[in-house]
Structures are given as C-alpha cells and as structure tokens.
Amino acid sequence: MIGLAVMENVRRYRAIASLCRQAAAFRPIQGGSLLAQAADWEDRAVAELERYFDCSTACPR
C-alpha cells in the first residue's frame, strides 16, 4: 500500500512539473521562475523515490 502512495505522489509531482514547463512556454516573462519551479517538483519526485528505495532505512541488517 505504501508503494502505491509513493508512486501516486511521484506521478502528481511530475504532472505539476510538466504544467510548470508548459506554462513557461507561454509566459516568457515568468519562464525562468516557472522552470525553476518545475525543477523543484522534479527534485521532490526523485527524493520521494529515493526515500522509498533507500535500503539503509527499509532493509533489516
């Protein structure tokens, strides 16, 4: 169940990043800010995956 929630979060974060990139294409004045926001959302998606797959906290030793 946790894995499904993680993947849903990742999907949402990447969808938001995609919307930011699309908005940047149509709003050149705010483009830099929107692309920075897209990068932040992508970073959140990667961090979410890294936390989930981090074996140092999930795997017994």
PDB file of N, CA and C in Angstrom:
ATOM      1  N   MET A   1       0.819  -1.195   0.000  1.00  0.00           N
ATOM      2  CA  MET A   1       0.000   0.000   0.000  1.00  0.00           C
ATOM      3  C   MET A   1       0.864   1.262   0.000  1.00  0.00           C
ATOM      4  N   ILE A   2       1.933   1.260   0.772  1.00  0.00           N
ATOM      5  CA  ILE A   2       2.811   2.428   0.829  1.00  0.00           C
ATOM      6  C   ILE A   2       3.403   2.707  -0.557  1.00  0.00           C
ATOM      7  N   GLY A   3       3.801   1.646  -1.256  1.00  0.00           N
ATOM      8  CA  GLY A   3       4.393   1.817  -2.579  1.00  0.00           C
ATOM      9  C   GLY A   3       3.447   2.511  -3.551  1.00  0.00           C
ATOM     10  N   LEU A   4       2.169   2.193  -3.468  1.00  0.00           N
ATOM     11  CA  LEU A   4       1.188   2.827  -4.347  1.00  0.00           C
ATOM     12  C   LEU A   4       1.067   4.321  -4.028  1.00  0.00           C
ATOM     13  N   ALA A   5       1.097   4.659  -2.764  1.00  0.00           N
ATOM     14  CA  ALA A   5       1.015   6.067  -2.370  1.00  0.00           C
ATOM     15  C   ALA A   5       2.246   6.829  -2.852  1.00  0.00           C
ATOM     16  N   VAL A   6       3.411   6.209  -2.745  1.00  0.00           N
ATOM     17  CA  VAL A   6       4.642   6.846  -3.212  1.00  0.00           C
ATOM     18  C   VAL A   6       4.561   7.097  -4.706  1.00  0.00           C
ATOM     19  N   MET A   7       4.128   6.095  -5.453  1.00  0.00           N
ATOM     20  CA  MET A   7       4.049   6.256  -6.900  1.00  0.00           C
ATOM     21  C   MET A   7       3.004   7.304  -7.290  1.00  0.00           C
ATOM     22  N   GLU A   8       1.921   7.387  -6.552  1.00  0.00           N
ATOM     23  CA  GLU A   8       0.916   8.415  -6.827  1.00  0.00           C
ATOM     24  C   GLU A   8       1.499   9.809  -6.565  1.00  0.00           C
ATOM     25  N   ASN A   9       2.259   9.954  -5.477  1.00  0.00           N
ATOM     26  CA  ASN A   9       2.910  11.234  -5.194  1.00  0.00           C
ATOM     27  C   ASN A   9       3.878  11.606  -6.311  1.00  0.00           C
ATOM     28  N   VAL A  10       4.670  10.644  -6.744  1.00  0.00           N
ATOM     29  CA  VAL A  10       5.636  10.894  -7.815  1.00  0.00           C
ATOM     30  C   VAL A  10       4.910  11.307  -9.089  1.00  0.00           C
ATOM     31  N   ARG A  11       3.824  10.627  -9.405  1.00  0.00           N
ATOM     32  CA  ARG A  11       3.046  10.976 -10.591  1.00  0.00           C
ATOM     33  C   ARG A  11       2.521  12.408 -10.491  1.00  0.00           C
ATOM     34  N   ARG A  12       2.017  12.775  -9.330  1.00  0.00           N
ATOM     35  CA  ARG A  12       1.493  14.134  -9.137  1.00  0.00           C
ATOM     36  C   ARG A  12       2.598  15.176  -9.243  1.00  0.00           C
ATOM     37  N   TYR A  13       3.728  14.925  -8.595  1.00  0.00           N
ATOM     38  CA  TYR A  13       4.836  15.875  -8.648  1.00  0.00           C
ATOM     39  C   TYR A  13       5.298  16.088 -10.085  1.00  0.00           C
ATOM     40  N   ARG A  14       5.393  15.007 -10.836  1.00  0.00           N
ATOM     41  CA  ARG A  14       5.850  15.138 -12.224  1.00  0.00           C
ATOM     42  C   ARG A  14       4.802  15.801 -13.107  1.00  0.00           C
ATOM     43  N   ALA A  15       3.531  15.600 -12.796  1.00  0.00           N
ATOM     44  CA  ALA A  15       2.472  16.282 -13.544  1.00  0.00           C
ATOM     45  C   ALA A  15       2.534  17.786 -13.293  1.00  0.00           C
ATOM     46  N   ILE A  16       2.770  18.179 -12.047  1.00  0.00           N
ATOM     47  CA  ILE A  16       2.892  19.599 -11.722  1.00  0.00           C
ATOM     48  C   ILE A  16       4.107  20.190 -12.430  1.00  0.00           C
ATOM     49  N   ALA A  17       5.219  19.454 -12.430  1.00  0.00           N
ATOM     50  CA  ALA A  17       6.429  19.922 -13.124  1.00  0.00           C
ATOM     51  C   ALA A  17       6.143  20.119 -14.606  1.00  0.00           C
ATOM     52  N   SER A  18       5.411  19.205 -15.187  1.00  0.00           N
ATOM     53  CA  SER A  18       5.062  19.322 -16.603  1.00  0.00           C
ATOM     54  C   SER A  18       4.206  20.562 -16.864  1.00  0.00           C
ATOM     55  N   LEU A  19       3.257  20.826 -15.992  1.00  0.00           N
ATOM     56  CA  LEU A  19       2.422  22.023 -16.145  1.00  0.00           C
ATOM     57  C   LEU A  19       3.261  23.293 -16.022  1.00  0.00           C
ATOM     58  N   CYS A  20       4.225  23.292 -15.120  1.00  0.00           N
ATOM     59  CA  CYS A  20       5.115  24.459 -14.991  1.00  0.00           C
ATOM     60  C   CYS A  20       5.907  24.683 -16.272  1.00  0.00           C
ATOM     61  N   ARG A  21       6.416  23.589 -16.858  1.00  0.00           N
ATOM     62  CA  ARG A  21       7.172  23.725 -18.112  1.00  0.00           C
ATOM     63  C   ARG A  21       6.278  24.223 -19.245  1.00  0.00           C
ATOM     64  N   GLN A  22       5.047  23.723 -19.297  1.00  0.00           N
ATOM     65  CA  GLN A  22       4.116  24.174 -20.333  1.00  0.00           C
ATOM     66  C   GLN A  22       3.788  25.654 -20.157  1.00  0.00           C
ATOM     67  N   ALA A  23       3.563  26.064 -18.922  1.00  0.00           N
ATOM     68  CA  ALA A  23       3.262  27.471 -18.656  1.00  0.00           C
ATOM     69  C   ALA A  23       4.448  28.350 -19.036  1.00  0.00           C
ATOM     70  N   ALA A  24       5.658  27.854 -18.796  1.00  0.00           N
ATOM     71  CA  ALA A  24       6.857  28.627 -19.134  1.00  0.00           C
ATOM     72  C   ALA A  24       6.936  28.886 -20.635  1.00  0.00           C
ATOM     73  N   ALA A  25       6.454  27.948 -21.423  1.00  0.00           N
ATOM     74  CA  ALA A  25       6.490  28.112 -22.872  1.00  0.00           C
ATOM     75  C   ALA A  25       5.571  29.243 -23.335  1.00  0.00           C
ATOM     76  N   PHE A  26       4.508  29.491 -22.589  1.00  0.00           N
ATOM     77  CA  PHE A  26       3.534  30.512 -22.982  1.00  0.00           C
ATOM     78  C   PHE A  26       3.683  31.815 -22.204  1.00  0.00           C
ATOM     79  N   ARG A  27       4.532  31.824 -21.190  1.00  0.00           N
ATOM     80  CA  ARG A  27       4.745  33.032 -20.384  1.00  0.00           C
ATOM     81  C   ARG A  27       6.241  33.318 -20.295  1.00  0.00           C
ATOM     82  N   PRO A  28       6.803  33.896 -21.332  1.00  0.00           N
ATOM     83  CA  PRO A  28       8.257  34.087 -21.360  1.00  0.00           C
ATOM     84  C   PRO A  28       8.790  34.978 -20.238  1.00  0.00           C
ATOM     85  N   ILE A  29       7.994  35.918 -19.764  1.00  0.00           N
ATOM     86  CA  ILE A  29       8.466  36.803 -18.696  1.00  0.00           C
ATOM     87  C   ILE A  29       8.667  36.014 -17.398  1.00  0.00           C
ATOM     88  N   GLN A  30       7.749  35.106 -17.093  1.00  0.00           N
ATOM     89  CA  GLN A  30       7.858  34.284 -15.886  1.00  0.00           C
ATOM     90  C   GLN A  30       8.546  32.956 -16.156  1.00  0.00           C
ATOM     91  N   GLY A  31       9.049  32.764 -17.363  1.00  0.00           N
ATOM     92  CA  GLY A  31       9.612  31.474 -17.762  1.00  0.00           C
ATOM     93  C   GLY A  31      10.697  30.951 -16.849  1.00  0.00           C
ATOM     94  N   GLY A  32      11.613  31.813 -16.452  1.00  0.00           N
ATOM     95  CA  GLY A  32      12.703  31.370 -15.579  1.00  0.00           C
ATOM     96  C   GLY A  32      12.198  30.859 -14.248  1.00  0.00           C
ATOM     97  N   SER A  33      11.265  31.591 -13.669  1.00  0.00           N
ATOM     98  CA  SER A  33      10.692  31.188 -12.385  1.00  0.00           C
ATOM     99  C   SER A  33       9.917  29.871 -12.522  1.00  0.00           C
ATOM    100  N   LEU A  34       9.150  29.756 -13.595  1.00  0.00           N
ATOM    101  CA  LEU A  34       8.366  28.537 -13.796  1.00  0.00           C
ATOM    102  C   LEU A  34       9.260  27.324 -14.033  1.00  0.00           C
ATOM    103  N   LEU A  35      10.352  27.512 -14.755  1.00  0.00           N
ATOM    104  CA  LEU A  35      11.273  26.397 -14.970  1.00  0.00           C
ATOM    105  C   LEU A  35      11.978  26.005 -13.675  1.00  0.00           C
ATOM    106  N   ALA A  36      12.251  26.980 -12.829  1.00  0.00           N
ATOM    107  CA  ALA A  36      12.833  26.669 -11.518  1.00  0.00           C
ATOM    108  C   ALA A  36      11.837  25.884 -10.668  1.00  0.00           C
ATOM    109  N   GLN A  37      10.571  26.264 -10.743  1.00  0.00           N
ATOM    110  CA  GLN A  37       9.539  25.525 -10.008  1.00  0.00           C
ATOM    111  C   GLN A  37       9.429  24.099 -10.543  1.00  0.00           C
ATOM    112  N   ALA A  38       9.510  23.939 -11.854  1.00  0.00           N
ATOM    113  CA  ALA A  38       9.454  22.600 -12.444  1.00  0.00           C
ATOM    114  C   ALA A  38      10.607  21.749 -11.935  1.00  0.00           C
ATOM    115  N   ALA A  39      11.790  22.334 -11.865  1.00  0.00           N
ATOM    116  CA  ALA A  39      12.953  21.596 -11.351  1.00  0.00           C
ATOM    117  C   ALA A  39      12.746  21.205  -9.893  1.00  0.00           C
ATOM    118  N   ASP A  40      12.147  22.098  -9.102  1.00  0.00           N
ATOM    119  CA  ASP A  40      11.870  21.779  -7.699  1.00  0.00           C
ATOM    120  C   ASP A  40      10.905  20.603  -7.580  1.00  0.00           C
ATOM    121  N   TRP A  41       9.866  20.584  -8.418  1.00  0.00           N
ATOM    122  CA  TRP A  41       8.905  19.482  -8.368  1.00  0.00           C
ATOM    123  C   TRP A  41       9.556  18.166  -8.801  1.00  0.00           C
ATOM    124  N   GLU A  42      10.424  18.227  -9.800  1.00  0.00           N
ATOM    125  CA  GLU A  42      11.143  17.023 -10.219  1.00  0.00           C
ATOM    126  C   GLU A  42      12.052  16.522  -9.094  1.00  0.00           C
ATOM    127  N   ASP A  43      12.694  17.466  -8.396  1.00  0.00           N
ATOM    128  CA  ASP A  43      13.545  17.088  -7.260  1.00  0.00           C
ATOM    129  C   ASP A  43      12.725  16.408  -6.168  1.00  0.00           C
ATOM    130  N   ARG A  44      11.513  16.908  -5.938  1.00  0.00           N
ATOM    131  CA  ARG A  44      10.638  16.274  -4.944  1.00  0.00           C
ATOM    132  C   ARG A  44      10.289  14.842  -5.355  1.00  0.00           C
ATOM    133  N   ALA A  45      10.029  14.655  -6.638  1.00  0.00           N
ATOM    134  CA  ALA A  45       9.698  13.315  -7.125  1.00  0.00           C
ATOM    135  C   ALA A  45      10.875  12.366  -6.923  1.00  0.00           C
ATOM    136  N   VAL A  46      12.068  12.823  -7.256  1.00  0.00           N
ATOM    137  CA  VAL A  46      13.253  11.984  -7.085  1.00  0.00           C
ATOM    138  C   VAL A  46      13.491  11.692  -5.610  1.00  0.00           C
ATOM    139  N   ALA A  47      13.342  12.692  -4.761  1.00  0.00           N
ATOM    140  CA  ALA A  47      13.540  12.499  -3.320  1.00  0.00           C
ATOM    141  C   ALA A  47      12.547  11.491  -2.762  1.00  0.00           C
ATOM    142  N   GLU A  48      11.314  11.560  -3.233  1.00  0.00           N
ATOM    143  CA  GLU A  48      10.288  10.614  -2.781  1.00  0.00           C
ATOM    144  C   GLU A  48      10.689   9.179  -3.149  1.00  0.00           C
ATOM    145  N   LEU A  49      11.148   8.998  -4.367  1.00  0.00           N
ATOM    146  CA  LEU A  49      11.592   7.670  -4.800  1.00  0.00           C
ATOM    147  C   LEU A  49      12.824   7.210  -4.025  1.00  0.00           C
ATOM    148  N   GLU A  50      13.752   8.118  -3.808  1.00  0.00           N
ATOM    149  CA  GLU A  50      14.963   7.754  -3.069  1.00  0.00           C
ATOM    150  C   GLU A  50      14.631   7.339  -1.642  1.00  0.00           C
ATOM    151  N   ARG A  51      13.719   8.058  -0.991  1.00  0.00           N
ATOM    152  CA  ARG A  51      13.323   7.688   0.370  1.00  0.00           C
ATOM    153  C   ARG A  51      12.691   6.300   0.384  1.00  0.00           C
ATOM    154  N   TYR A  52      11.861   6.025  -0.613  1.00  0.00           N
ATOM    155  CA  TYR A  52      11.172   4.741  -0.653  1.00  0.00           C
ATOM    156  C   TYR A  52      12.144   3.589  -0.907  1.00  0.00           C
ATOM    157  N   PHE A  53      13.099   3.803  -1.798  1.00  0.00           N
ATOM    158  CA  PHE A  53      14.008   2.732  -2.172  1.00  0.00           C
ATOM    159  C   PHE A  53      15.312   2.726  -1.377  1.00  0.00           C
ATOM    160  N   ASP A  54      15.429   3.624  -0.406  1.00  0.00           N
ATOM    161  CA  ASP A  54      16.642   3.680   0.397  1.00  0.00           C
ATOM    162  C   ASP A  54      16.711   2.442   1.294  1.00  0.00           C
ATOM    163  N   CYS A  55      17.589   1.563   0.965  1.00  0.00           N
ATOM    164  CA  CYS A  55      17.681   0.296   1.685  1.00  0.00           C
ATOM    165  C   CYS A  55      18.252   0.472   3.087  1.00  0.00           C
ATOM    166  N   SER A  56      18.945   1.553   3.347  1.00  0.00           N
ATOM    167  CA  SER A  56      19.528   1.747   4.678  1.00  0.00           C
ATOM    168  C   SER A  56      18.455   1.906   5.736  1.00  0.00           C
ATOM    169  N   THR A  57      17.251   2.393   5.371  1.00  0.00           N
ATOM    170  CA  THR A  57      16.193   2.527   6.343  1.00  0.00           C
ATOM    171  C   THR A  57      15.130   1.445   6.211  1.00  0.00           C
ATOM    172  N   ALA A  58      15.050   0.812   5.051  1.00  0.00           N
ATOM    173  CA  ALA A  58      13.967  -0.141   4.816  1.00  0.00           C
ATOM    174  C   ALA A  58      14.385  -1.594   5.022  1.00  0.00           C
ATOM    175  N   CYS A  59      15.651  -1.895   4.817  1.00  0.00           N
ATOM    176  CA  CYS A  59      16.101  -3.289   4.873  1.00  0.00           C
ATOM    177  C   CYS A  59      16.694  -3.627   6.239  1.00  0.00           C
ATOM    178  N   PRO A  60      16.312  -4.761   6.796  1.00  0.00           N
ATOM    179  CA  PRO A  60      16.929  -5.182   8.044  1.00  0.00           C
ATOM    180  C   PRO A  60      18.374  -5.605   7.793  1.00  0.00           C
ATOM    181  N   ARG A  61      19.220  -5.388   8.769  1.00  0.00           N
ATOM    182  CA  ARG A  61      20.629  -5.769   8.632  1.00  0.00           C
ATOM    183  C   ARG A  61      20.970  -6.905   9.534  1.00  0.00           C
TER     184      ARG A  61
END
